[in-house]
Amino acid sequence: MMVRVLAFARLRELLGFGERHVGVADGTTADAMWSRLAQDAPQLAALRASTRFARNGALVDGAAVLHEGDELALLPPVGGG
C-alpha cells in the first residue's frame, strides 16, 4: 500500500525530502514507518522522543496503523516564545 509521508523543519533536512510516497505492508504502524525512514537517515533515532505523528491531519501515537492512501506527517517540536 502507498502512504504519503510529510516531513517538516529539521526532519525534512535529515530525510532529504518534504514529501514522499512510500510503499509499506498492510498493518504498518507510524512507529514502524519511523523505523523504516531511520534506516536511511540514522540521525533520526535521537529525535523520535520529541517527534509527533499526525495521520490525515489528526494527532496519533506510534501504534496507529496506517492504511492505503493515508498521509503521515512527522512533526518536530516547535519552539517559540
C-alpha atoms as a PDB file:
ATOM      1  CA  MET A   1       0.000   0.000   0.000  1.00  0.00           C
ATOM      2  CA  MET A   2       1.121   3.596  -0.500  1.00  0.00           C
ATOM      3  CA  VAL A   3       1.331   6.222   2.254  1.00  0.00           C
ATOM      4  CA  ARG A   4       2.209   9.881   1.741  1.00  0.00           C
ATOM      5  CA  VAL A   5       4.869  10.989   4.244  1.00  0.00           C
ATOM      6  CA  LEU A   6       5.355  14.681   5.045  1.00  0.00           C
ATOM      7  CA  ALA A   7       8.439  15.909   6.908  1.00  0.00           C
ATOM      8  CA  PHE A   8       8.978  19.371   8.330  1.00  0.00           C
ATOM      9  CA  ALA A   9      11.858  21.522   9.603  1.00  0.00           C
ATOM     10  CA  ARG A  10      14.870  19.513  10.849  1.00  0.00           C
ATOM     11  CA  LEU A  11      13.230  16.222   9.903  1.00  0.00           C
ATOM     12  CA  ARG A  12      12.924  17.423   6.310  1.00  0.00           C
ATOM     13  CA  GLU A  13      16.630  18.285   6.283  1.00  0.00           C
ATOM     14  CA  LEU A  14      17.679  14.906   7.677  1.00  0.00           C
ATOM     15  CA  LEU A  15      15.448  12.887   5.379  1.00  0.00           C
ATOM     16  CA  GLY A  16      16.205  14.938   2.294  1.00  0.00           C
ATOM     17  CA  PHE A  17      12.548  15.342   1.354  1.00  0.00           C
ATOM     18  CA  GLY A  18       9.474  17.255   2.411  1.00  0.00           C
ATOM     19  CA  GLU A  19       7.005  14.879   0.794  1.00  0.00           C
ATOM     20  CA  ARG A  20       7.311  11.339  -0.494  1.00  0.00           C
ATOM     21  CA  HIS A  21       5.041   8.412  -1.249  1.00  0.00           C
ATOM     22  CA  VAL A  22       6.284   5.274   0.500  1.00  0.00           C
ATOM     23  CA  GLY A  23       5.157   1.720  -0.163  1.00  0.00           C
ATOM     24  CA  VAL A  24       4.590  -0.285   3.049  1.00  0.00           C
ATOM     25  CA  ALA A  25       2.950  -3.546   4.072  1.00  0.00           C
ATOM     26  CA  ASP A  26      -0.602  -3.698   5.395  1.00  0.00           C
ATOM     27  CA  GLY A  27      -0.645  -3.239   9.163  1.00  0.00           C
ATOM     28  CA  THR A  28       2.346  -0.884   9.242  1.00  0.00           C
ATOM     29  CA  THR A  29       2.252   1.483  12.228  1.00  0.00           C
ATOM     30  CA  ALA A  30       3.523   5.048  12.479  1.00  0.00           C
ATOM     31  CA  ASP A  31       6.436   3.771  14.620  1.00  0.00           C
ATOM     32  CA  ALA A  32       7.288   1.140  12.006  1.00  0.00           C
ATOM     33  CA  MET A  33       7.298   3.841   9.328  1.00  0.00           C
ATOM     34  CA  TRP A  34       9.638   5.904  11.510  1.00  0.00           C
ATOM     35  CA  SER A  35      11.980   2.925  11.872  1.00  0.00           C
ATOM     36  CA  ARG A  36      11.958   2.361   8.137  1.00  0.00           C
ATOM     37  CA  LEU A  37      12.829   6.005   7.443  1.00  0.00           C
ATOM     38  CA  ALA A  38      15.565   5.899  10.109  1.00  0.00           C
ATOM     39  CA  GLN A  39      17.292   3.080   8.212  1.00  0.00           C
ATOM     40  CA  ASP A  40      18.183   5.633   5.527  1.00  0.00           C
ATOM     41  CA  ALA A  41      18.721   8.516   7.977  1.00  0.00           C
ATOM     42  CA  PRO A  42      20.154   7.062  11.232  1.00  0.00           C
ATOM     43  CA  GLN A  43      20.334  10.517  12.842  1.00  0.00           C
ATOM     44  CA  LEU A  44      16.533  10.382  13.151  1.00  0.00           C
ATOM     45  CA  ALA A  45      16.800   7.930  16.049  1.00  0.00           C
ATOM     46  CA  ALA A  46      17.756  10.685  18.503  1.00  0.00           C
ATOM     47  CA  LEU A  47      14.666  12.708  17.540  1.00  0.00           C
ATOM     48  CA  ARG A  48      11.966  10.058  17.987  1.00  0.00           C
ATOM     49  CA  ALA A  49      11.028  11.032  21.556  1.00  0.00           C
ATOM     50  CA  SER A  50      10.343  14.625  20.537  1.00  0.00           C
ATOM     51  CA  THR A  51       8.574  13.897  17.229  1.00  0.00           C
ATOM     52  CA  ARG A  52       4.787  13.628  16.974  1.00  0.00           C
ATOM     53  CA  PHE A  53       2.745  11.963  14.247  1.00  0.00           C
ATOM     54  CA  ALA A  54      -0.378  13.199  12.504  1.00  0.00           C
ATOM     55  CA  ARG A  55      -2.358  10.785  10.336  1.00  0.00           C
ATOM     56  CA  ASN A  56      -4.651  12.534   7.908  1.00  0.00           C
ATOM     57  CA  GLY A  57      -4.454  15.721   9.977  1.00  0.00           C
ATOM     58  CA  ALA A  58      -5.169  14.203  13.407  1.00  0.00           C
ATOM     59  CA  LEU A  59      -2.503  13.576  16.047  1.00  0.00           C
ATOM     60  CA  VAL A  60      -1.891   9.874  16.681  1.00  0.00           C
ATOM     61  CA  ASP A  61       0.573   7.821  18.685  1.00  0.00           C
ATOM     62  CA  GLY A  62       3.177   5.477  17.250  1.00  0.00           C
ATOM     63  CA  ALA A  63       0.852   2.471  17.484  1.00  0.00           C
ATOM     64  CA  ALA A  64      -1.559   3.977  14.938  1.00  0.00           C
ATOM     65  CA  VAL A  65      -1.984   1.644  11.970  1.00  0.00           C
ATOM     66  CA  LEU A  66      -1.590   3.224   8.539  1.00  0.00           C
ATOM     67  CA  HIS A  67      -3.944   2.499   5.648  1.00  0.00           C
ATOM     68  CA  GLU A  68      -3.774   2.827   1.884  1.00  0.00           C
ATOM     69  CA  GLY A  69      -3.704   6.496   0.869  1.00  0.00           C
ATOM     70  CA  ASP A  70      -3.052   7.839   4.379  1.00  0.00           C
ATOM     71  CA  GLU A  71      -0.947  10.938   4.937  1.00  0.00           C
ATOM     72  CA  LEU A  72       1.534  10.665   7.795  1.00  0.00           C
ATOM     73  CA  ALA A  73       3.052  13.953   8.915  1.00  0.00           C
ATOM     74  CA  LEU A  74       6.230  13.886  11.015  1.00  0.00           C
ATOM     75  CA  LEU A  75       6.022  16.852  13.383  1.00  0.00           C
ATOM     76  CA  PRO A  76       9.167  18.057  15.119  1.00  0.00           C
ATOM     77  CA  PRO A  77       8.971  20.049  18.348  1.00  0.00           C
ATOM     78  CA  VAL A  78       8.095  23.683  17.818  1.00  0.00           C
ATOM     79  CA  GLY A  79       9.936  26.393  19.696  1.00  0.00           C
ATOM     80  CA  GLY A  80       8.871  29.938  20.191  1.00  0.00           C
ATOM     81  CA  GLY A  81       8.234  32.479  22.738  1.00  0.00           C
END
